[in-house]
Amino acid sequence: MSHSNVTRSVSVRYRVSVTPFDTKKGAEDMRNMLKRGNSYSVRFNVPEDRRADVGKVFGAKSGMKDEIVRTLGTRDYREAVKGRDAALEAIRKEVNAKLIDAPSTRDYISSQ
């Protein structure tokens, strides 16, 4: 058995990504999703210009927050894809509500 055959079989068995092999379809379906252990989660990427504000209202230790991750509560891939958009919208609403209620951003929002 040659070394290249061993390397190939190991790389196929232990894929880094959870994206299905059909990357054209799979990459689109997995956008903003990740698999942690056996369950799926959704990832909301905070825009760069708002990371300090979001970090402050969420109480991040570093003062910056570049993403918010929430579990989708399912192990089933199809259910996760169906629930992804609703979960992202819920995160957006939570972030917006906290930013509006925060005293430092309230003055900024009302002045525009």
PDB file of N, CA and C in Angstrom:
ATOM      1  N   MET A   1       0.853  -1.181   0.000  1.00  0.00           N
ATOM      2  CA  MET A   1       0.000   0.000   0.000  1.00  0.00           C
ATOM      3  C   MET A   1       0.893   1.237   0.000  1.00  0.00           C
ATOM      4  N   SER A   2       0.664   2.093  -0.933  1.00  0.00           N
ATOM      5  CA  SER A   2       1.511   3.282  -1.028  1.00  0.00           C
ATOM      6  C   SER A   2       1.027   4.372  -0.084  1.00  0.00           C
ATOM      7  N   HIS A   3       1.909   5.299   0.176  1.00  0.00           N
ATOM      8  CA  HIS A   3       1.593   6.405   1.086  1.00  0.00           C
ATOM      9  C   HIS A   3       0.461   7.283   0.543  1.00  0.00           C
ATOM     10  N   SER A   4       0.416   7.493  -0.759  1.00  0.00           N
ATOM     11  CA  SER A   4      -0.630   8.358  -1.335  1.00  0.00           C
ATOM     12  C   SER A   4      -2.017   7.761  -1.162  1.00  0.00           C
ATOM     13  N   ASN A   5      -2.144   6.437  -1.191  1.00  0.00           N
ATOM     14  CA  ASN A   5      -3.445   5.808  -0.979  1.00  0.00           C
ATOM     15  C   ASN A   5      -3.925   5.989   0.458  1.00  0.00           C
ATOM     16  N   VAL A   6      -3.028   5.902   1.399  1.00  0.00           N
ATOM     17  CA  VAL A   6      -3.386   6.091   2.800  1.00  0.00           C
ATOM     18  C   VAL A   6      -3.847   7.528   3.033  1.00  0.00           C
ATOM     19  N   THR A   7      -3.115   8.474   2.503  1.00  0.00           N
ATOM     20  CA  THR A   7      -3.473   9.880   2.675  1.00  0.00           C
ATOM     21  C   THR A   7      -4.840  10.173   2.071  1.00  0.00           C
ATOM     22  N   ARG A   8      -5.094   9.628   0.910  1.00  0.00           N
ATOM     23  CA  ARG A   8      -6.368   9.878   0.238  1.00  0.00           C
ATOM     24  C   ARG A   8      -7.533   9.314   1.041  1.00  0.00           C
ATOM     25  N   SER A   9      -7.419   8.086   1.545  1.00  0.00           N
ATOM     26  CA  SER A   9      -8.518   7.476   2.280  1.00  0.00           C
ATOM     27  C   SER A   9      -8.785   8.218   3.591  1.00  0.00           C
ATOM     28  N   VAL A  10      -7.747   8.694   4.228  1.00  0.00           N
ATOM     29  CA  VAL A  10      -7.930   9.441   5.468  1.00  0.00           C
ATOM     30  C   VAL A  10      -8.606  10.779   5.200  1.00  0.00           C
ATOM     31  N   SER A  11      -8.200  11.472   4.137  1.00  0.00           N
ATOM     32  CA  SER A  11      -8.789  12.773   3.854  1.00  0.00           C
ATOM     33  C   SER A  11     -10.250  12.662   3.467  1.00  0.00           C
ATOM     34  N   VAL A  12     -10.644  11.563   2.829  1.00  0.00           N
ATOM     35  CA  VAL A  12     -12.052  11.373   2.472  1.00  0.00           C
ATOM     36  C   VAL A  12     -12.857  11.034   3.713  1.00  0.00           C
ATOM     37  N   ARG A  13     -12.301  10.238   4.589  1.00  0.00           N
ATOM     38  CA  ARG A  13     -13.025   9.806   5.775  1.00  0.00           C
ATOM     39  C   ARG A  13     -13.237  10.956   6.760  1.00  0.00           C
ATOM     40  N   TYR A  14     -12.258  11.827   6.924  1.00  0.00           N
ATOM     41  CA  TYR A  14     -12.325  12.904   7.899  1.00  0.00           C
ATOM     42  C   TYR A  14     -12.368  14.254   7.191  1.00  0.00           C
ATOM     43  N   ARG A  15     -13.506  14.569   6.606  1.00  0.00           N
ATOM     44  CA  ARG A  15     -13.650  15.851   5.923  1.00  0.00           C
ATOM     45  C   ARG A  15     -13.754  16.970   6.954  1.00  0.00           C
ATOM     46  N   VAL A  16     -13.161  18.092   6.662  1.00  0.00           N
ATOM     47  CA  VAL A  16     -13.216  19.254   7.538  1.00  0.00           C
ATOM     48  C   VAL A  16     -14.590  19.892   7.469  1.00  0.00           C
ATOM     49  N   SER A  17     -15.179  19.932   6.299  1.00  0.00           N
ATOM     50  CA  SER A  17     -16.440  20.613   6.079  1.00  0.00           C
ATOM     51  C   SER A  17     -17.614  19.653   6.217  1.00  0.00           C
ATOM     52  N   VAL A  18     -18.772  20.190   6.615  1.00  0.00           N
ATOM     53  CA  VAL A  18     -19.990  19.389   6.641  1.00  0.00           C
ATOM     54  C   VAL A  18     -20.808  19.625   5.378  1.00  0.00           C
ATOM     55  N   THR A  19     -20.272  20.390   4.447  1.00  0.00           N
ATOM     56  CA  THR A  19     -20.956  20.657   3.196  1.00  0.00           C
ATOM     57  C   THR A  19     -21.032  19.384   2.368  1.00  0.00           C
ATOM     58  N   PRO A  20     -22.200  19.055   1.811  1.00  0.00           N
ATOM     59  CA  PRO A  20     -22.303  17.866   0.962  1.00  0.00           C
ATOM     60  C   PRO A  20     -21.350  17.951  -0.225  1.00  0.00           C
ATOM     61  N   PHE A  21     -21.079  16.806  -0.845  1.00  0.00           N
ATOM     62  CA  PHE A  21     -20.123  16.753  -1.940  1.00  0.00           C
ATOM     63  C   PHE A  21     -20.519  17.626  -3.115  1.00  0.00           C
ATOM     64  N   ASP A  22     -21.808  17.769  -3.409  1.00  0.00           N
ATOM     65  CA  ASP A  22     -22.253  18.628  -4.497  1.00  0.00           C
ATOM     66  C   ASP A  22     -22.127  20.073  -4.021  1.00  0.00           C
ATOM     67  N   THR A  23     -20.963  20.687  -4.215  1.00  0.00           N
ATOM     68  CA  THR A  23     -20.677  21.980  -3.608  1.00  0.00           C
ATOM     69  C   THR A  23     -21.512  23.112  -4.182  1.00  0.00           C
ATOM     70  N   LYS A  24     -21.985  22.988  -5.409  1.00  0.00           N
ATOM     71  CA  LYS A  24     -22.813  24.062  -5.965  1.00  0.00           C
ATOM     72  C   LYS A  24     -24.097  24.195  -5.164  1.00  0.00           C
ATOM     73  N   LYS A  25     -24.751  23.088  -4.866  1.00  0.00           N
ATOM     74  CA  LYS A  25     -25.974  23.121  -4.084  1.00  0.00           C
ATOM     75  C   LYS A  25     -25.658  23.210  -2.592  1.00  0.00           C
ATOM     76  N   GLY A  26     -24.693  22.414  -2.127  1.00  0.00           N
ATOM     77  CA  GLY A  26     -24.396  22.327  -0.704  1.00  0.00           C
ATOM     78  C   GLY A  26     -23.864  23.603  -0.107  1.00  0.00           C
ATOM     79  N   ALA A  27     -23.018  24.314  -0.833  1.00  0.00           N
ATOM     80  CA  ALA A  27     -22.449  25.554  -0.307  1.00  0.00           C
ATOM     81  C   ALA A  27     -23.540  26.589  -0.094  1.00  0.00           C
ATOM     82  N   GLU A  28     -24.493  26.643  -0.992  1.00  0.00           N
ATOM     83  CA  GLU A  28     -25.605  27.589  -0.866  1.00  0.00           C
ATOM     84  C   GLU A  28     -26.487  27.227   0.334  1.00  0.00           C
ATOM     85  N   ASP A  29     -26.743  25.941   0.528  1.00  0.00           N
ATOM     86  CA  ASP A  29     -27.579  25.499   1.640  1.00  0.00           C
ATOM     87  C   ASP A  29     -26.918  25.719   2.996  1.00  0.00           C
ATOM     88  N   MET A  30     -25.597  25.600   3.064  1.00  0.00           N
ATOM     89  CA  MET A  30     -24.895  25.711   4.338  1.00  0.00           C
ATOM     90  C   MET A  30     -24.507  27.146   4.689  1.00  0.00           C
ATOM     91  N   ARG A  31     -24.877  28.104   3.876  1.00  0.00           N
ATOM     92  CA  ARG A  31     -24.514  29.482   4.182  1.00  0.00           C
ATOM     93  C   ARG A  31     -25.093  29.883   5.540  1.00  0.00           C
ATOM     94  N   ASN A  32     -24.271  30.462   6.375  1.00  0.00           N
ATOM     95  CA  ASN A  32     -24.621  30.920   7.722  1.00  0.00           C
ATOM     96  C   ASN A  32     -24.988  29.781   8.662  1.00  0.00           C
ATOM     97  N   MET A  33     -24.616  28.562   8.317  1.00  0.00           N
ATOM     98  CA  MET A  33     -24.876  27.427   9.200  1.00  0.00           C
ATOM     99  C   MET A  33     -23.573  26.709   9.500  1.00  0.00           C
ATOM    100  N   LEU A  34     -23.518  26.066  10.661  1.00  0.00           N
ATOM    101  CA  LEU A  34     -22.392  25.234  10.992  1.00  0.00           C
ATOM    102  C   LEU A  34     -22.889  24.083  11.837  1.00  0.00           C
ATOM    103  N   LYS A  35     -22.111  23.041  11.876  1.00  0.00           N
ATOM    104  CA  LYS A  35     -22.485  21.869  12.667  1.00  0.00           C
ATOM    105  C   LYS A  35     -21.508  21.740  13.815  1.00  0.00           C
ATOM    106  N   ARG A  36     -22.050  21.752  15.018  1.00  0.00           N
ATOM    107  CA  ARG A  36     -21.247  21.581  16.227  1.00  0.00           C
ATOM    108  C   ARG A  36     -21.686  20.288  16.889  1.00  0.00           C
ATOM    109  N   GLY A  37     -20.788  19.351  16.922  1.00  0.00           N
ATOM    110  CA  GLY A  37     -21.163  18.034  17.437  1.00  0.00           C
ATOM    111  C   GLY A  37     -22.176  17.412  16.500  1.00  0.00           C
ATOM    112  N   ASN A  38     -23.353  17.092  17.035  1.00  0.00           N
ATOM    113  CA  ASN A  38     -24.394  16.480  16.218  1.00  0.00           C
ATOM    114  C   ASN A  38     -25.502  17.444  15.827  1.00  0.00           C
ATOM    115  N   SER A  39     -25.484  18.673  16.327  1.00  0.00           N
ATOM    116  CA  SER A  39     -26.583  19.596  16.031  1.00  0.00           C
ATOM    117  C   SER A  39     -26.103  20.771  15.185  1.00  0.00           C
ATOM    118  N   TYR A  40     -27.042  21.370  14.497  1.00  0.00           N
ATOM    119  CA  TYR A  40     -26.755  22.496  13.614  1.00  0.00           C
ATOM    120  C   TYR A  40     -26.991  23.819  14.333  1.00  0.00           C
ATOM    121  N   SER A  41     -26.193  24.800  13.967  1.00  0.00           N
ATOM    122  CA  SER A  41     -26.313  26.153  14.510  1.00  0.00           C
ATOM    123  C   SER A  41     -26.318  27.139  13.356  1.00  0.00           C
ATOM    124  N   VAL A  42     -26.789  28.347  13.656  1.00  0.00           N
ATOM    125  CA  VAL A  42     -26.796  29.413  12.663  1.00  0.00           C
ATOM    126  C   VAL A  42     -25.821  30.488  13.125  1.00  0.00           C
ATOM    127  N   ARG A  43     -25.130  31.100  12.168  1.00  0.00           N
ATOM    128  CA  ARG A  43     -24.132  32.135  12.469  1.00  0.00           C
ATOM    129  C   ARG A  43     -24.552  33.449  11.813  1.00  0.00           C
ATOM    130  N   PHE A  44     -24.690  34.490  12.637  1.00  0.00           N
ATOM    131  CA  PHE A  44     -24.986  35.832  12.139  1.00  0.00           C
ATOM    132  C   PHE A  44     -23.695  36.635  12.197  1.00  0.00           C
ATOM    133  N   ASN A  45     -23.235  37.101  11.059  1.00  0.00           N
ATOM    134  CA  ASN A  45     -22.012  37.901  10.988  1.00  0.00           C
ATOM    135  C   ASN A  45     -22.351  39.371  11.194  1.00  0.00           C
ATOM    136  N   VAL A  46     -21.767  39.977  12.207  1.00  0.00           N
ATOM    137  CA  VAL A  46     -22.005  41.386  12.518  1.00  0.00           C
ATOM    138  C   VAL A  46     -21.179  42.250  11.558  1.00  0.00           C
ATOM    139  N   PRO A  47     -21.797  43.278  10.950  1.00  0.00           N
ATOM    140  CA  PRO A  47     -21.034  44.162  10.055  1.00  0.00           C
ATOM    141  C   PRO A  47     -19.864  44.811  10.794  1.00  0.00           C
ATOM    142  N   GLU A  48     -18.763  45.004  10.084  1.00  0.00           N
ATOM    143  CA  GLU A  48     -17.535  45.523  10.706  1.00  0.00           C
ATOM    144  C   GLU A  48     -17.737  46.853  11.418  1.00  0.00           C
ATOM    145  N   ASP A  49     -18.530  47.745  10.841  1.00  0.00           N
ATOM    146  CA  ASP A  49     -18.704  49.066  11.445  1.00  0.00           C
ATOM    147  C   ASP A  49     -19.594  49.045  12.687  1.00  0.00           C
ATOM    148  N   ARG A  50     -20.253  47.904  12.990  1.00  0.00           N
ATOM    149  CA  ARG A  50     -21.125  47.816  14.169  1.00  0.00           C
ATOM    150  C   ARG A  50     -20.600  46.852  15.229  1.00  0.00           C
ATOM    151  N   ARG A  51     -19.433  46.271  15.027  1.00  0.00           N
ATOM    152  CA  ARG A  51     -18.925  45.255  15.947  1.00  0.00           C
ATOM    153  C   ARG A  51     -18.665  45.797  17.349  1.00  0.00           C
ATOM    154  N   ALA A  52     -18.191  47.023  17.464  1.00  0.00           N
ATOM    155  CA  ALA A  52     -17.945  47.609  18.788  1.00  0.00           C
ATOM    156  C   ALA A  52     -19.269  47.867  19.508  1.00  0.00           C
ATOM    157  N   ASP A  53     -20.265  48.400  18.791  1.00  0.00           N
ATOM    158  CA  ASP A  53     -21.567  48.671  19.403  1.00  0.00           C
ATOM    159  C   ASP A  53     -22.261  47.390  19.847  1.00  0.00           C
ATOM    160  N   VAL A  54     -22.240  46.376  18.990  1.00  0.00           N
ATOM    161  CA  VAL A  54     -22.882  45.098  19.319  1.00  0.00           C
ATOM    162  C   VAL A  54     -22.133  44.426  20.473  1.00  0.00           C
ATOM    163  N   GLY A  55     -20.821  44.500  20.461  1.00  0.00           N
ATOM    164  CA  GLY A  55     -20.045  43.937  21.558  1.00  0.00           C
ATOM    165  C   GLY A  55     -20.360  44.595  22.887  1.00  0.00           C
ATOM    166  N   LYS A  56     -20.575  45.896  22.850  1.00  0.00           N
ATOM    167  CA  LYS A  56     -20.895  46.635  24.075  1.00  0.00           C
ATOM    168  C   LYS A  56     -22.264  46.238  24.625  1.00  0.00           C
ATOM    169  N   VAL A  57     -23.287  46.175  23.777  1.00  0.00           N
ATOM    170  CA  VAL A  57     -24.632  45.858  24.266  1.00  0.00           C
ATOM    171  C   VAL A  57     -24.783  44.385  24.638  1.00  0.00           C
ATOM    172  N   PHE A  58     -23.955  43.512  24.065  1.00  0.00           N
ATOM    173  CA  PHE A  58     -23.999  42.095  24.431  1.00  0.00           C
ATOM    174  C   PHE A  58     -23.036  41.768  25.567  1.00  0.00           C
ATOM    175  N   GLY A  59     -22.244  42.750  26.004  1.00  0.00           N
ATOM    176  CA  GLY A  59     -21.343  42.549  27.128  1.00  0.00           C
ATOM    177  C   GLY A  59     -20.155  41.658  26.808  1.00  0.00           C
ATOM    178  N   ALA A  60     -19.631  41.762  25.606  1.00  0.00           N
ATOM    179  CA  ALA A  60     -18.466  40.957  25.219  1.00  0.00           C
ATOM    180  C   ALA A  60     -17.243  41.403  26.014  1.00  0.00           C
ATOM    181  N   LYS A  61     -16.443  40.456  26.452  1.00  0.00           N
ATOM    182  CA  LYS A  61     -15.262  40.775  27.259  1.00  0.00           C
ATOM    183  C   LYS A  61     -14.274  41.649  26.497  1.00  0.00           C
ATOM    184  N   SER A  62     -14.119  41.377  25.208  1.00  0.00           N
ATOM    185  CA  SER A  62     -13.167  42.150  24.403  1.00  0.00           C
ATOM    186  C   SER A  62     -13.756  43.477  23.930  1.00  0.00           C
ATOM    187  N   GLY A  63     -15.064  43.647  24.081  1.00  0.00           N
ATOM    188  CA  GLY A  63     -15.709  44.863  23.616  1.00  0.00           C
ATOM    189  C   GLY A  63     -16.100  44.806  22.152  1.00  0.00           C
ATOM    190  N   MET A  64     -15.752  43.739  21.469  1.00  0.00           N
ATOM    191  CA  MET A  64     -16.074  43.555  20.051  1.00  0.00           C
ATOM    192  C   MET A  64     -16.820  42.239  19.891  1.00  0.00           C
ATOM    193  N   LYS A  65     -17.756  42.224  18.982  1.00  0.00           N
ATOM    194  CA  LYS A  65     -18.479  40.979  18.685  1.00  0.00           C
ATOM    195  C   LYS A  65     -18.624  40.885  17.177  1.00  0.00           C
ATOM    196  N   ASP A  66     -17.970  39.901  16.576  1.00  0.00           N
ATOM    197  CA  ASP A  66     -18.004  39.793  15.121  1.00  0.00           C
ATOM    198  C   ASP A  66     -19.015  38.787  14.614  1.00  0.00           C
ATOM    199  N   GLU A  67     -19.529  37.918  15.495  1.00  0.00           N
ATOM    200  CA  GLU A  67     -20.562  36.979  15.092  1.00  0.00           C
ATOM    201  C   GLU A  67     -21.401  36.569  16.289  1.00  0.00           C
ATOM    202  N   ILE A  68     -22.620  36.146  16.001  1.00  0.00           N
ATOM    203  CA  ILE A  68     -23.526  35.630  17.017  1.00  0.00           C
ATOM    204  C   ILE A  68     -23.967  34.258  16.534  1.00  0.00           C
ATOM    205  N   VAL A  69     -23.797  33.247  17.371  1.00  0.00           N
ATOM    206  CA  VAL A  69     -24.136  31.879  17.001  1.00  0.00           C
ATOM    207  C   VAL A  69     -25.252  31.388  17.908  1.00  0.00           C
ATOM    208  N   ARG A  70     -26.290  30.816  17.308  1.00  0.00           N
ATOM    209  CA  ARG A  70     -27.414  30.234  18.054  1.00  0.00           C
ATOM    210  C   ARG A  70     -27.695  28.843  17.502  1.00  0.00           C
ATOM    211  N   THR A  71     -28.049  27.932  18.380  1.00  0.00           N
ATOM    212  CA  THR A  71     -28.379  26.587  17.948  1.00  0.00           C
ATOM    213  C   THR A  71     -29.745  26.577  17.260  1.00  0.00           C
ATOM    214  N   LEU A  72     -29.885  25.706  16.287  1.00  0.00           N
ATOM    215  CA  LEU A  72     -31.169  25.531  15.608  1.00  0.00           C
ATOM    216  C   LEU A  72     -31.986  24.433  16.272  1.00  0.00           C
ATOM    217  N   GLY A  73     -31.393  23.738  17.231  1.00  0.00           N
ATOM    218  CA  GLY A  73     -32.114  22.729  17.997  1.00  0.00           C
ATOM    219  C   GLY A  73     -32.490  21.491  17.200  1.00  0.00           C
ATOM    220  N   THR A  74     -31.717  21.159  16.187  1.00  0.00           N
ATOM    221  CA  THR A  74     -32.021  19.976  15.391  1.00  0.00           C
ATOM    222  C   THR A  74     -30.737  19.297  14.942  1.00  0.00           C
ATOM    223  N   ARG A  75     -30.854  18.005  14.729  1.00  0.00           N
ATOM    224  CA  ARG A  75     -29.752  17.232  14.170  1.00  0.00           C
ATOM    225  C   ARG A  75     -29.995  16.941  12.700  1.00  0.00           C
ATOM    226  N   ASP A  76     -31.192  17.242  12.233  1.00  0.00           N
ATOM    227  CA  ASP A  76     -31.578  16.948  10.855  1.00  0.00           C
ATOM    228  C   ASP A  76     -31.187  18.103   9.938  1.00  0.00           C
ATOM    229  N   TYR A  77     -30.462  17.779   8.878  1.00  0.00           N
ATOM    230  CA  TYR A  77     -29.968  18.787   7.942  1.00  0.00           C
ATOM    231  C   TYR A  77     -31.119  19.550   7.279  1.00  0.00           C
ATOM    232  N   ARG A  78     -32.145  18.846   6.826  1.00  0.00           N
ATOM    233  CA  ARG A  78     -33.262  19.505   6.125  1.00  0.00           C
ATOM    234  C   ARG A  78     -34.018  20.461   7.050  1.00  0.00           C
ATOM    235  N   GLU A  79     -34.237  20.053   8.287  1.00  0.00           N
ATOM    236  CA  GLU A  79     -34.900  20.937   9.254  1.00  0.00           C
ATOM    237  C   GLU A  79     -34.040  22.165   9.540  1.00  0.00           C
ATOM    238  N   ALA A  80     -32.741  21.981   9.597  1.00  0.00           N
ATOM    239  CA  ALA A  80     -31.832  23.097   9.858  1.00  0.00           C
ATOM    240  C   ALA A  80     -31.892  24.121   8.730  1.00  0.00           C
ATOM    241  N   VAL A  81     -31.900  23.659   7.492  1.00  0.00           N
ATOM    242  CA  VAL A  81     -31.980  24.574   6.347  1.00  0.00           C
ATOM    243  C   VAL A  81     -33.305  25.331   6.370  1.00  0.00           C
ATOM    244  N   LYS A  82     -34.387  24.645   6.722  1.00  0.00           N
ATOM    245  CA  LYS A  82     -35.708  25.297   6.786  1.00  0.00           C
ATOM    246  C   LYS A  82     -35.769  26.351   7.889  1.00  0.00           C
ATOM    247  N   GLY A  83     -35.112  26.093   9.023  1.00  0.00           N
ATOM    248  CA  GLY A  83     -35.187  27.014  10.154  1.00  0.00           C
ATOM    249  C   GLY A  83     -34.136  28.113  10.159  1.00  0.00           C
ATOM    250  N   ARG A  84     -33.186  28.050   9.233  1.00  0.00           N
ATOM    251  CA  ARG A  84     -32.075  29.004   9.216  1.00  0.00           C
ATOM    252  C   ARG A  84     -32.537  30.446   9.054  1.00  0.00           C
ATOM    253  N   ASP A  85     -33.382  30.732   8.086  1.00  0.00           N
ATOM    254  CA  ASP A  85     -33.783  32.112   7.815  1.00  0.00           C
ATOM    255  C   ASP A  85     -34.564  32.726   8.976  1.00  0.00           C
ATOM    256  N   ALA A  86     -35.438  31.940   9.586  1.00  0.00           N
ATOM    257  CA  ALA A  86     -36.197  32.439  10.738  1.00  0.00           C
ATOM    258  C   ALA A  86     -35.268  32.729  11.919  1.00  0.00           C
ATOM    259  N   ALA A  87     -34.273  31.877  12.122  1.00  0.00           N
ATOM    260  CA  ALA A  87     -33.323  32.089  13.218  1.00  0.00           C
ATOM    261  C   ALA A  87     -32.472  33.326  12.978  1.00  0.00           C
ATOM    262  N   LEU A  88     -32.038  33.539  11.735  1.00  0.00           N
ATOM    263  CA  LEU A  88     -31.258  34.738  11.419  1.00  0.00           C
ATOM    264  C   LEU A  88     -32.089  35.999  11.624  1.00  0.00           C
ATOM    265  N   GLU A  89     -33.345  35.958  11.239  1.00  0.00           N
ATOM    266  CA  GLU A  89     -34.226  37.117  11.435  1.00  0.00           C
ATOM    267  C   GLU A  89     -34.431  37.400  12.919  1.00  0.00           C
ATOM    268  N   ALA A  90     -34.565  36.349  13.731  1.00  0.00           N
ATOM    269  CA  ALA A  90     -34.720  36.534  15.177  1.00  0.00           C
ATOM    270  C   ALA A  90     -33.461  37.175  15.780  1.00  0.00           C
ATOM    271  N   ILE A  91     -32.296  36.762  15.310  1.00  0.00           N
ATOM    272  CA  ILE A  91     -31.046  37.368  15.798  1.00  0.00           C
ATOM    273  C   ILE A  91     -30.976  38.833  15.388  1.00  0.00           C
ATOM    274  N   ARG A  92     -31.337  39.139  14.142  1.00  0.00           N
ATOM    275  CA  ARG A  92     -31.340  40.540  13.676  1.00  0.00           C
ATOM    276  C   ARG A  92     -32.253  41.402  14.539  1.00  0.00           C
ATOM    277  N   LYS A  93     -33.440  40.898  14.843  1.00  0.00           N
ATOM    278  CA  LYS A  93     -34.385  41.654  15.674  1.00  0.00           C
ATOM    279  C   LYS A  93     -33.827  41.863  17.073  1.00  0.00           C
ATOM    280  N   GLU A  94     -33.202  40.832  17.639  1.00  0.00           N
ATOM    281  CA  GLU A  94     -32.608  40.948  18.975  1.00  0.00           C
ATOM    282  C   GLU A  94     -31.499  41.996  18.990  1.00  0.00           C
ATOM    283  N   VAL A  95     -30.635  41.956  17.988  1.00  0.00           N
ATOM    284  CA  VAL A  95     -29.527  42.916  17.905  1.00  0.00           C
ATOM    285  C   VAL A  95     -30.068  44.328  17.754  1.00  0.00           C
ATOM    286  N   ASN A  96     -31.019  44.521  16.848  1.00  0.00           N
ATOM    287  CA  ASN A  96     -31.592  45.857  16.643  1.00  0.00           C
ATOM    288  C   ASN A  96     -32.271  46.386  17.897  1.00  0.00           C
ATOM    289  N   ALA A  97     -33.008  45.525  18.601  1.00  0.00           N
ATOM    290  CA  ALA A  97     -33.685  45.958  19.828  1.00  0.00           C
ATOM    291  C   ALA A  97     -32.672  46.373  20.894  1.00  0.00           C
ATOM    292  N   LYS A  98     -31.595  45.608  21.042  1.00  0.00           N
ATOM    293  CA  LYS A  98     -30.580  45.958  22.042  1.00  0.00           C
ATOM    294  C   LYS A  98     -29.849  47.250  21.662  1.00  0.00           C
ATOM    295  N   LEU A  99     -29.591  47.444  20.364  1.00  0.00           N
ATOM    296  CA  LEU A  99     -28.916  48.669  19.941  1.00  0.00           C
ATOM    297  C   LEU A  99     -29.806  49.898  20.137  1.00  0.00           C
ATOM    298  N   ILE A 100     -31.096  49.749  19.898  1.00  0.00           N
ATOM    299  CA  ILE A 100     -32.019  50.876  20.085  1.00  0.00           C
ATOM    300  C   ILE A 100     -32.147  51.233  21.561  1.00  0.00           C
ATOM    301  N   ASP A 101     -32.175  50.221  22.430  1.00  0.00           N
ATOM    302  CA  ASP A 101     -32.326  50.466  23.867  1.00  0.00           C
ATOM    303  C   ASP A 101     -31.040  50.927  24.547  1.00  0.00           C
ATOM    304  N   ALA A 102     -29.905  50.736  23.908  1.00  0.00           N
ATOM    305  CA  ALA A 102     -28.631  51.128  24.511  1.00  0.00           C
ATOM    306  C   ALA A 102     -28.518  52.644  24.531  1.00  0.00           C
ATOM    307  N   PRO A 103     -28.114  53.229  25.658  1.00  0.00           N
ATOM    308  CA  PRO A 103     -28.053  54.690  25.759  1.00  0.00           C
ATOM    309  C   PRO A 103     -27.061  55.336  24.800  1.00  0.00           C
ATOM    310  N   SER A 104     -25.939  54.699  24.537  1.00  0.00           N
ATOM    311  CA  SER A 104     -24.932  55.324  23.673  1.00  0.00           C
ATOM    312  C   SER A 104     -25.367  55.331  22.211  1.00  0.00           C
ATOM    313  N   THR A 105     -26.110  54.325  21.777  1.00  0.00           N
ATOM    314  CA  THR A 105     -26.542  54.291  20.383  1.00  0.00           C
ATOM    315  C   THR A 105     -27.893  54.966  20.186  1.00  0.00           C
ATOM    316  N   ARG A 106     -28.680  55.116  21.237  1.00  0.00           N
ATOM    317  CA  ARG A 106     -29.993  55.752  21.113  1.00  0.00           C
ATOM    318  C   ARG A 106     -29.839  57.191  20.629  1.00  0.00           C
ATOM    319  N   ASP A 107     -28.871  57.911  21.181  1.00  0.00           N
ATOM    320  CA  ASP A 107     -28.641  59.282  20.755  1.00  0.00           C
ATOM    321  C   ASP A 107     -28.192  59.346  19.313  1.00  0.00           C
ATOM    322  N   TYR A 108     -27.369  58.385  18.898  1.00  0.00           N
ATOM    323  CA  TYR A 108     -26.876  58.345  17.518  1.00  0.00           C
ATOM    324  C   TYR A 108     -28.028  58.060  16.540  1.00  0.00           C
ATOM    325  N   ILE A 109     -28.904  57.125  16.890  1.00  0.00           N
ATOM    326  CA  ILE A 109     -30.012  56.756  16.001  1.00  0.00           C
ATOM    327  C   ILE A 109     -31.028  57.885  15.898  1.00  0.00           C
ATOM    328  N   SER A 110     -31.361  58.535  17.014  1.00  0.00           N
ATOM    329  CA  SER A 110     -32.383  59.577  17.000  1.00  0.00           C
ATOM    330  C   SER A 110     -31.897  60.870  16.311  1.00  0.00           C
ATOM    331  N   SER A 111     -30.595  61.061  16.229  1.00  0.00           N
ATOM    332  CA  SER A 111     -30.091  62.281  15.594  1.00  0.00           C
ATOM    333  C   SER A 111     -30.073  62.196  14.074  1.00  0.00           C
ATOM    334  N   GLN A 112     -30.304  61.022  13.536  1.00  0.00           N
ATOM    335  CA  GLN A 112     -30.273  60.882  12.075  1.00  0.00           C
ATOM    336  C   GLN A 112     -31.624  61.017  11.448  1.00  0.00           C
TER     337      GLN A 112
END
